[in-house]
Amino acid sequence: MTVKSCQQLIKNWQKEVWTKKKGGGMTRLRELYRCEICGNVVEITHEGAPSLVCCGEPMKKLVAKTQDEGKEKHVPVVEGIDAGTKVTVGSIAHPMEEKHYIKFIEVLSAGRVIRVELKPGQSPSAEVCLLKSEIQEVREFCTVHGLWKA
């Protein structure tokens, strides 16, 4: 075991102990939270807050779905292309209407979060300059059906 791996084990153990002492409410890097009142979505860029509050109420942690339900398709389809990676939302193109559309697509790697923000009328897809093999997770947020990941 290397010194670096030992340090990581200690860090993980300390986080676990701290979380148990505080009742389990520690935010984690890259988690997404949504306000149930105004719809505000927040991504954690600095760990540690025991909870997030918006409009005077605790925000709800978003848990990504991974299997499509119904006629709309949400699970991101990830494919390698010459310039990097292309992400398309759904095996059938997702609607991009005024009240029902994909707000953003995120591609997460070890050291980066690439977010492509979309608007109604645009294609529910994104191309990023990142090799498919470097990607840890791809997720998207639908204004009606919430968070999805591949």
N, C-alpha and C. Protein backbone atom coordinates (compact mmCIF):
# COMPACT_ATOMS: atom_id res chain seq x y z
N MET A 1 0.85 -1.18 0.00
CA MET A 1 0.00 0.00 0.00
C MET A 1 0.89 1.24 0.00
N THR A 2 0.54 2.21 -0.85
CA THR A 2 1.34 3.42 -0.95
C THR A 2 0.91 4.44 0.10
N VAL A 3 1.76 5.44 0.30
CA VAL A 3 1.45 6.51 1.25
C VAL A 3 0.18 7.23 0.80
N LYS A 4 0.05 7.47 -0.51
CA LYS A 4 -1.12 8.17 -1.03
C LYS A 4 -2.40 7.38 -0.76
N SER A 5 -2.36 6.07 -0.96
CA SER A 5 -3.58 5.28 -0.72
C SER A 5 -3.91 5.23 0.78
N CYS A 6 -2.89 5.21 1.64
CA CYS A 6 -3.13 5.26 3.09
C CYS A 6 -3.78 6.59 3.48
N GLN A 7 -3.28 7.68 2.90
CA GLN A 7 -3.85 8.99 3.21
C GLN A 7 -5.31 9.06 2.76
N GLN A 8 -5.62 8.46 1.61
CA GLN A 8 -7.00 8.46 1.13
C GLN A 8 -7.90 7.65 2.05
N LEU A 9 -7.40 6.51 2.53
CA LEU A 9 -8.18 5.68 3.46
C LEU A 9 -8.49 6.45 4.75
N ILE A 10 -7.49 7.16 5.26
CA ILE A 10 -7.69 7.96 6.48
C ILE A 10 -8.71 9.06 6.23
N LYS A 11 -8.59 9.74 5.09
CA LYS A 11 -9.53 10.81 4.75
C LYS A 11 -10.96 10.27 4.65
N ASN A 12 -11.14 9.13 4.00
CA ASN A 12 -12.46 8.52 3.89
C ASN A 12 -13.01 8.14 5.26
N TRP A 13 -12.17 7.59 6.11
CA TRP A 13 -12.59 7.20 7.45
C TRP A 13 -13.01 8.42 8.25
N GLN A 14 -12.23 9.52 8.16
CA GLN A 14 -12.56 10.74 8.89
C GLN A 14 -13.90 11.31 8.43
N LYS A 15 -14.16 11.28 7.12
CA LYS A 15 -15.45 11.75 6.61
C LYS A 15 -16.59 10.90 7.16
N GLU A 16 -16.38 9.59 7.19
CA GLU A 16 -17.42 8.69 7.69
C GLU A 16 -17.73 8.97 9.15
N VAL A 17 -16.69 9.14 9.96
CA VAL A 17 -16.88 9.43 11.38
C VAL A 17 -17.57 10.78 11.55
N TRP A 18 -17.14 11.81 10.82
CA TRP A 18 -17.74 13.13 10.93
C TRP A 18 -19.22 13.07 10.56
N THR A 19 -19.53 12.35 9.47
CA THR A 19 -20.92 12.22 9.02
C THR A 19 -21.77 11.55 10.08
N LYS A 20 -21.27 10.50 10.71
CA LYS A 20 -22.05 9.81 11.75
C LYS A 20 -22.27 10.71 12.95
N LYS A 21 -21.25 11.50 13.33
CA LYS A 21 -21.39 12.41 14.47
C LYS A 21 -22.44 13.49 14.18
N LYS A 22 -22.50 13.94 12.94
CA LYS A 22 -23.41 15.03 12.58
C LYS A 22 -24.77 14.52 12.12
N GLY A 23 -25.00 13.23 12.22
CA GLY A 23 -26.30 12.69 11.83
C GLY A 23 -26.43 12.38 10.35
N GLY A 24 -25.32 12.31 9.63
CA GLY A 24 -25.34 11.88 8.24
C GLY A 24 -25.67 12.95 7.23
N GLY A 25 -25.69 14.21 7.61
CA GLY A 25 -26.15 15.23 6.68
C GLY A 25 -25.09 16.03 5.97
N MET A 26 -23.98 15.47 5.58
CA MET A 26 -22.92 16.22 4.93
C MET A 26 -23.10 16.21 3.41
N THR A 27 -23.02 17.37 2.78
CA THR A 27 -23.10 17.42 1.32
C THR A 27 -21.79 16.91 0.72
N ARG A 28 -21.89 16.37 -0.48
CA ARG A 28 -20.73 15.80 -1.17
C ARG A 28 -20.51 16.50 -2.51
N LEU A 29 -19.26 16.55 -2.92
CA LEU A 29 -18.88 17.15 -4.18
C LEU A 29 -19.70 16.59 -5.33
N ARG A 30 -20.22 17.48 -6.18
CA ARG A 30 -20.97 17.18 -7.40
C ARG A 30 -22.41 16.70 -7.17
N GLU A 31 -22.87 16.66 -5.92
CA GLU A 31 -24.28 16.35 -5.68
C GLU A 31 -25.12 17.50 -6.20
N LEU A 32 -26.35 17.19 -6.60
CA LEU A 32 -27.29 18.21 -7.06
C LEU A 32 -28.47 18.27 -6.11
N TYR A 33 -28.94 19.48 -5.81
CA TYR A 33 -30.08 19.70 -4.92
C TYR A 33 -31.07 20.61 -5.64
N ARG A 34 -32.36 20.42 -5.33
CA ARG A 34 -33.42 21.22 -5.97
C ARG A 34 -34.37 21.77 -4.91
N CYS A 35 -34.74 23.03 -5.10
CA CYS A 35 -35.74 23.66 -4.24
C CYS A 35 -37.12 23.24 -4.72
N GLU A 36 -37.91 22.70 -3.82
CA GLU A 36 -39.25 22.24 -4.17
C GLU A 36 -40.22 23.40 -4.38
N ILE A 37 -39.82 24.61 -3.95
CA ILE A 37 -40.70 25.77 -4.08
C ILE A 37 -40.44 26.53 -5.39
N CYS A 38 -39.20 26.95 -5.61
CA CYS A 38 -38.90 27.77 -6.79
C CYS A 38 -38.25 27.00 -7.94
N GLY A 39 -37.79 25.76 -7.69
CA GLY A 39 -37.18 24.96 -8.74
C GLY A 39 -35.69 25.19 -8.93
N ASN A 40 -35.08 26.04 -8.09
CA ASN A 40 -33.66 26.30 -8.18
C ASN A 40 -32.87 25.00 -8.04
N VAL A 41 -31.86 24.79 -8.91
CA VAL A 41 -31.01 23.60 -8.85
C VAL A 41 -29.59 24.06 -8.52
N VAL A 42 -28.96 23.41 -7.53
CA VAL A 42 -27.63 23.78 -7.06
C VAL A 42 -26.71 22.56 -7.10
N GLU A 43 -25.48 22.76 -7.58
CA GLU A 43 -24.48 21.69 -7.58
C GLU A 43 -23.43 22.01 -6.52
N ILE A 44 -23.06 21.00 -5.75
CA ILE A 44 -22.07 21.18 -4.68
C ILE A 44 -20.67 21.25 -5.29
N THR A 45 -19.99 22.36 -5.03
CA THR A 45 -18.61 22.52 -5.49
C THR A 45 -17.63 22.55 -4.30
N HIS A 46 -18.19 22.59 -3.08
CA HIS A 46 -17.39 22.56 -1.86
C HIS A 46 -18.15 21.74 -0.83
N GLU A 47 -17.59 20.61 -0.44
CA GLU A 47 -18.26 19.69 0.48
C GLU A 47 -18.38 20.25 1.89
N GLY A 48 -19.36 19.71 2.61
CA GLY A 48 -19.38 19.95 4.03
C GLY A 48 -20.62 20.51 4.66
N ALA A 49 -21.38 21.32 3.96
CA ALA A 49 -22.56 21.90 4.59
C ALA A 49 -23.52 20.79 5.01
N PRO A 50 -24.07 20.88 6.21
CA PRO A 50 -24.98 19.83 6.65
C PRO A 50 -26.29 19.82 5.88
N SER A 51 -26.71 20.96 5.33
CA SER A 51 -27.92 21.01 4.51
C SER A 51 -27.94 22.31 3.71
N LEU A 52 -28.75 22.33 2.68
CA LEU A 52 -28.92 23.52 1.87
C LEU A 52 -30.36 24.01 2.03
N VAL A 53 -30.53 25.31 2.06
CA VAL A 53 -31.86 25.89 2.25
C VAL A 53 -32.12 26.90 1.14
N CYS A 54 -33.34 26.87 0.61
CA CYS A 54 -33.78 27.83 -0.40
C CYS A 54 -35.25 28.12 -0.11
N CYS A 55 -35.66 29.35 -0.25
CA CYS A 55 -37.05 29.76 0.00
C CYS A 55 -37.49 29.37 1.41
N GLY A 56 -36.53 29.33 2.35
CA GLY A 56 -36.85 29.02 3.74
C GLY A 56 -37.06 27.54 4.04
N GLU A 57 -36.84 26.67 3.07
CA GLU A 57 -37.04 25.23 3.24
C GLU A 57 -35.80 24.46 2.83
N PRO A 58 -35.56 23.27 3.44
CA PRO A 58 -34.42 22.45 3.01
C PRO A 58 -34.57 22.02 1.55
N MET A 59 -33.47 22.03 0.83
CA MET A 59 -33.49 21.59 -0.56
C MET A 59 -33.45 20.07 -0.61
N LYS A 60 -34.01 19.50 -1.66
CA LYS A 60 -34.08 18.05 -1.83
C LYS A 60 -32.90 17.58 -2.69
N LYS A 61 -32.17 16.59 -2.17
CA LYS A 61 -31.07 16.01 -2.94
C LYS A 61 -31.66 15.23 -4.12
N LEU A 62 -31.11 15.48 -5.30
CA LEU A 62 -31.59 14.78 -6.49
C LEU A 62 -30.85 13.45 -6.64
N VAL A 63 -31.61 12.41 -6.89
CA VAL A 63 -31.05 11.08 -7.14
C VAL A 63 -31.37 10.74 -8.59
N ALA A 64 -30.33 10.48 -9.37
CA ALA A 64 -30.51 10.25 -10.80
C ALA A 64 -31.18 8.90 -11.08
N LYS A 65 -32.12 8.94 -12.00
CA LYS A 65 -32.75 7.71 -12.48
C LYS A 65 -31.89 7.15 -13.60
N THR A 66 -31.99 5.84 -13.82
CA THR A 66 -31.15 5.21 -14.84
C THR A 66 -31.91 4.38 -15.85
N GLN A 67 -33.22 4.21 -15.67
CA GLN A 67 -34.02 3.41 -16.61
C GLN A 67 -35.22 4.22 -17.08
N ASP A 68 -35.39 4.27 -18.40
CA ASP A 68 -36.49 5.02 -18.99
C ASP A 68 -37.84 4.44 -18.62
N GLU A 69 -38.82 5.34 -18.48
CA GLU A 69 -40.21 4.97 -18.22
C GLU A 69 -41.07 5.82 -19.14
N GLY A 70 -42.16 5.28 -19.65
CA GLY A 70 -43.07 6.08 -20.47
C GLY A 70 -42.54 6.34 -21.87
N LYS A 71 -43.20 7.28 -22.57
CA LYS A 71 -42.84 7.52 -23.96
C LYS A 71 -41.60 8.39 -24.13
N GLU A 72 -41.36 9.31 -23.20
CA GLU A 72 -40.15 10.13 -23.30
C GLU A 72 -38.94 9.31 -22.87
N LYS A 73 -37.86 9.49 -23.57
CA LYS A 73 -36.62 8.78 -23.24
C LYS A 73 -35.64 9.79 -22.65
N HIS A 74 -35.07 9.43 -21.49
CA HIS A 74 -34.22 10.36 -20.75
C HIS A 74 -32.78 9.90 -20.56
N VAL A 75 -32.53 8.62 -20.54
CA VAL A 75 -31.18 8.13 -20.24
C VAL A 75 -30.22 8.61 -21.33
N PRO A 76 -29.16 9.30 -20.95
CA PRO A 76 -28.20 9.79 -21.95
C PRO A 76 -27.54 8.66 -22.72
N VAL A 77 -27.40 8.86 -24.03
CA VAL A 77 -26.71 7.92 -24.90
C VAL A 77 -25.35 8.54 -25.20
N VAL A 78 -24.28 7.81 -24.87
CA VAL A 78 -22.92 8.34 -24.98
C VAL A 78 -22.18 7.60 -26.09
N GLU A 79 -21.61 8.38 -27.03
CA GLU A 79 -20.86 7.75 -28.12
C GLU A 79 -19.57 8.51 -28.40
N GLY A 80 -18.52 7.76 -28.68
CA GLY A 80 -17.25 8.37 -29.04
C GLY A 80 -17.32 8.89 -30.47
N ILE A 81 -16.78 10.09 -30.69
CA ILE A 81 -16.70 10.67 -32.03
C ILE A 81 -15.27 11.17 -32.24
N ASP A 82 -14.94 11.58 -33.46
CA ASP A 82 -13.57 12.03 -33.76
C ASP A 82 -13.10 13.15 -32.84
N ALA A 83 -13.99 14.10 -32.54
CA ALA A 83 -13.60 15.27 -31.74
C ALA A 83 -13.74 15.04 -30.24
N GLY A 84 -14.14 13.85 -29.81
CA GLY A 84 -14.30 13.59 -28.38
C GLY A 84 -15.47 12.67 -28.11
N THR A 85 -16.56 13.24 -27.54
CA THR A 85 -17.73 12.44 -27.16
C THR A 85 -19.00 13.22 -27.47
N LYS A 86 -20.01 12.49 -27.95
CA LYS A 86 -21.32 13.08 -28.19
C LYS A 86 -22.30 12.44 -27.22
N VAL A 87 -23.12 13.28 -26.57
CA VAL A 87 -24.16 12.81 -25.66
C VAL A 87 -25.50 13.25 -26.25
N THR A 88 -26.40 12.29 -26.39
CA THR A 88 -27.76 12.57 -26.85
C THR A 88 -28.70 12.10 -25.76
N VAL A 89 -29.70 12.91 -25.44
CA VAL A 89 -30.64 12.54 -24.39
C VAL A 89 -31.72 11.64 -24.99
N GLY A 90 -31.68 10.37 -24.57
CA GLY A 90 -32.67 9.39 -25.00
C GLY A 90 -32.33 8.71 -26.31
N SER A 91 -32.80 7.47 -26.44
CA SER A 91 -32.63 6.74 -27.68
C SER A 91 -33.55 7.31 -28.76
N ILE A 92 -34.61 8.00 -28.34
CA ILE A 92 -35.49 8.78 -29.20
C ILE A 92 -35.35 10.21 -28.69
N ALA A 93 -35.17 11.16 -29.58
CA ALA A 93 -34.92 12.56 -29.16
C ALA A 93 -35.97 13.07 -28.17
N HIS A 94 -35.48 13.61 -27.07
CA HIS A 94 -36.34 14.16 -26.01
C HIS A 94 -36.99 15.46 -26.50
N PRO A 95 -38.25 15.73 -26.12
CA PRO A 95 -38.87 17.00 -26.51
C PRO A 95 -38.10 18.19 -25.92
N MET A 96 -38.11 19.27 -26.67
CA MET A 96 -37.46 20.50 -26.22
C MET A 96 -38.46 21.64 -26.34
N GLU A 97 -39.55 21.51 -25.58
CA GLU A 97 -40.65 22.47 -25.60
C GLU A 97 -40.49 23.50 -24.48
N GLU A 98 -41.26 24.55 -24.53
CA GLU A 98 -41.15 25.65 -23.56
C GLU A 98 -41.26 25.19 -22.11
N LYS A 99 -42.17 24.28 -21.80
CA LYS A 99 -42.36 23.84 -20.42
C LYS A 99 -41.78 22.45 -20.13
N HIS A 100 -41.21 21.80 -21.12
CA HIS A 100 -40.67 20.45 -20.95
C HIS A 100 -39.45 20.30 -21.85
N TYR A 101 -38.27 20.44 -21.22
CA TYR A 101 -37.04 20.35 -22.00
C TYR A 101 -35.87 19.93 -21.11
N ILE A 102 -34.75 19.63 -21.75
CA ILE A 102 -33.52 19.29 -21.04
C ILE A 102 -32.81 20.60 -20.71
N LYS A 103 -32.66 20.89 -19.42
CA LYS A 103 -32.05 22.14 -18.95
C LYS A 103 -30.53 22.11 -19.14
N PHE A 104 -29.91 20.95 -18.83
CA PHE A 104 -28.47 20.83 -19.02
C PHE A 104 -28.05 19.38 -19.16
N ILE A 105 -26.90 19.19 -19.79
CA ILE A 105 -26.22 17.90 -19.88
C ILE A 105 -24.87 18.11 -19.21
N GLU A 106 -24.48 17.20 -18.31
CA GLU A 106 -23.17 17.27 -17.66
C GLU A 106 -22.36 16.02 -17.96
N VAL A 107 -21.09 16.24 -18.26
CA VAL A 107 -20.15 15.14 -18.46
C VAL A 107 -19.10 15.29 -17.37
N LEU A 108 -18.98 14.24 -16.53
CA LEU A 108 -18.07 14.28 -15.38
C LEU A 108 -16.88 13.35 -15.61
N SER A 109 -15.69 13.89 -15.38
CA SER A 109 -14.46 13.10 -15.42
C SER A 109 -13.78 13.25 -14.07
N ALA A 110 -12.59 12.70 -13.93
CA ALA A 110 -11.88 12.74 -12.64
C ALA A 110 -11.64 14.18 -12.17
N GLY A 111 -11.33 15.09 -13.08
CA GLY A 111 -10.98 16.44 -12.65
C GLY A 111 -11.82 17.54 -13.23
N ARG A 112 -12.88 17.19 -13.97
CA ARG A 112 -13.67 18.23 -14.63
C ARG A 112 -15.16 17.90 -14.63
N VAL A 113 -15.95 18.97 -14.66
CA VAL A 113 -17.38 18.87 -14.91
C VAL A 113 -17.63 19.77 -16.11
N ILE A 114 -18.10 19.18 -17.19
CA ILE A 114 -18.43 19.97 -18.38
C ILE A 114 -19.95 20.02 -18.46
N ARG A 115 -20.49 21.22 -18.36
CA ARG A 115 -21.94 21.41 -18.40
C ARG A 115 -22.32 22.16 -19.66
N VAL A 116 -23.26 21.60 -20.40
CA VAL A 116 -23.79 22.26 -21.59
C VAL A 116 -25.24 22.62 -21.26
N GLU A 117 -25.54 23.91 -21.24
CA GLU A 117 -26.88 24.38 -20.90
C GLU A 117 -27.69 24.51 -22.17
N LEU A 118 -28.92 24.01 -22.12
CA LEU A 118 -29.79 23.97 -23.29
C LEU A 118 -31.04 24.81 -23.07
N LYS A 119 -31.71 25.15 -24.18
CA LYS A 119 -32.94 25.94 -24.15
C LYS A 119 -33.98 25.26 -25.03
N PRO A 120 -35.26 25.58 -24.81
CA PRO A 120 -36.29 25.02 -25.67
C PRO A 120 -35.97 25.30 -27.15
N GLY A 121 -36.26 24.31 -27.99
CA GLY A 121 -36.00 24.44 -29.42
C GLY A 121 -34.65 23.93 -29.86
N GLN A 122 -33.68 23.80 -28.93
CA GLN A 122 -32.37 23.27 -29.29
C GLN A 122 -32.41 21.74 -29.33
N SER A 123 -31.40 21.17 -29.91
CA SER A 123 -31.27 19.72 -29.94
C SER A 123 -30.89 19.22 -28.54
N PRO A 124 -31.49 18.10 -28.08
CA PRO A 124 -31.13 17.58 -26.75
C PRO A 124 -29.83 16.76 -26.82
N SER A 125 -28.76 17.41 -27.23
CA SER A 125 -27.47 16.73 -27.36
C SER A 125 -26.33 17.72 -27.13
N ALA A 126 -25.15 17.15 -26.93
CA ALA A 126 -23.96 17.97 -26.71
C ALA A 126 -22.73 17.21 -27.16
N GLU A 127 -21.75 17.93 -27.68
CA GLU A 127 -20.46 17.35 -28.02
C GLU A 127 -19.42 17.99 -27.12
N VAL A 128 -18.56 17.15 -26.52
CA VAL A 128 -17.52 17.65 -25.63
C VAL A 128 -16.16 17.11 -26.05
N CYS A 129 -15.12 17.90 -25.79
CA CYS A 129 -13.75 17.49 -26.12
C CYS A 129 -13.17 16.68 -24.97
N LEU A 130 -13.68 15.49 -24.82
CA LEU A 130 -13.24 14.58 -23.77
C LEU A 130 -13.43 13.17 -24.32
N LEU A 131 -12.40 12.35 -24.20
CA LEU A 131 -12.52 10.98 -24.70
C LEU A 131 -13.55 10.21 -23.89
N LYS A 132 -14.28 9.34 -24.56
CA LYS A 132 -15.31 8.53 -23.89
C LYS A 132 -14.70 7.74 -22.73
N SER A 133 -13.46 7.27 -22.90
CA SER A 133 -12.79 6.47 -21.87
C SER A 133 -12.45 7.28 -20.61
N GLU A 134 -12.43 8.62 -20.70
CA GLU A 134 -12.14 9.48 -19.56
C GLU A 134 -13.38 9.83 -18.74
N ILE A 135 -14.54 9.50 -19.25
CA ILE A 135 -15.80 9.90 -18.62
C ILE A 135 -16.16 8.96 -17.47
N GLN A 136 -16.49 9.55 -16.32
CA GLN A 136 -16.94 8.78 -15.16
C GLN A 136 -18.46 8.67 -15.12
N GLU A 137 -19.13 9.75 -15.53
CA GLU A 137 -20.59 9.77 -15.48
C GLU A 137 -21.12 10.84 -16.43
N VAL A 138 -22.30 10.58 -16.99
CA VAL A 138 -23.00 11.56 -17.79
C VAL A 138 -24.39 11.68 -17.20
N ARG A 139 -24.85 12.91 -17.01
CA ARG A 139 -26.19 13.11 -16.46
C ARG A 139 -26.86 14.29 -17.14
N GLU A 140 -28.19 14.31 -17.05
CA GLU A 140 -28.97 15.40 -17.64
C GLU A 140 -30.14 15.71 -16.74
N PHE A 141 -30.63 16.95 -16.85
CA PHE A 141 -31.74 17.37 -16.02
C PHE A 141 -32.90 17.80 -16.90
N CYS A 142 -34.03 17.09 -16.75
CA CYS A 142 -35.27 17.39 -17.47
C CYS A 142 -36.13 18.27 -16.56
N THR A 143 -36.70 19.33 -17.10
CA THR A 143 -37.48 20.27 -16.30
C THR A 143 -38.75 19.64 -15.72
N VAL A 144 -39.21 18.53 -16.31
CA VAL A 144 -40.41 17.86 -15.82
C VAL A 144 -40.09 16.59 -15.03
N HIS A 145 -39.15 15.80 -15.52
CA HIS A 145 -38.90 14.47 -14.95
C HIS A 145 -37.62 14.35 -14.12
N GLY A 146 -36.88 15.45 -13.93
CA GLY A 146 -35.74 15.44 -13.03
C GLY A 146 -34.43 14.94 -13.62
N LEU A 147 -33.59 14.39 -12.74
CA LEU A 147 -32.21 14.01 -13.05
C LEU A 147 -32.12 12.57 -13.54
N TRP A 148 -31.31 12.39 -14.59
CA TRP A 148 -31.07 11.08 -15.20
C TRP A 148 -29.58 10.92 -15.46
N LYS A 149 -29.09 9.68 -15.44
CA LYS A 149 -27.67 9.46 -15.73
C LYS A 149 -27.48 8.18 -16.53
N ALA A 150 -26.30 8.14 -17.18
CA ALA A 150 -25.89 6.94 -17.92
C ALA A 150 -24.72 6.32 -17.20
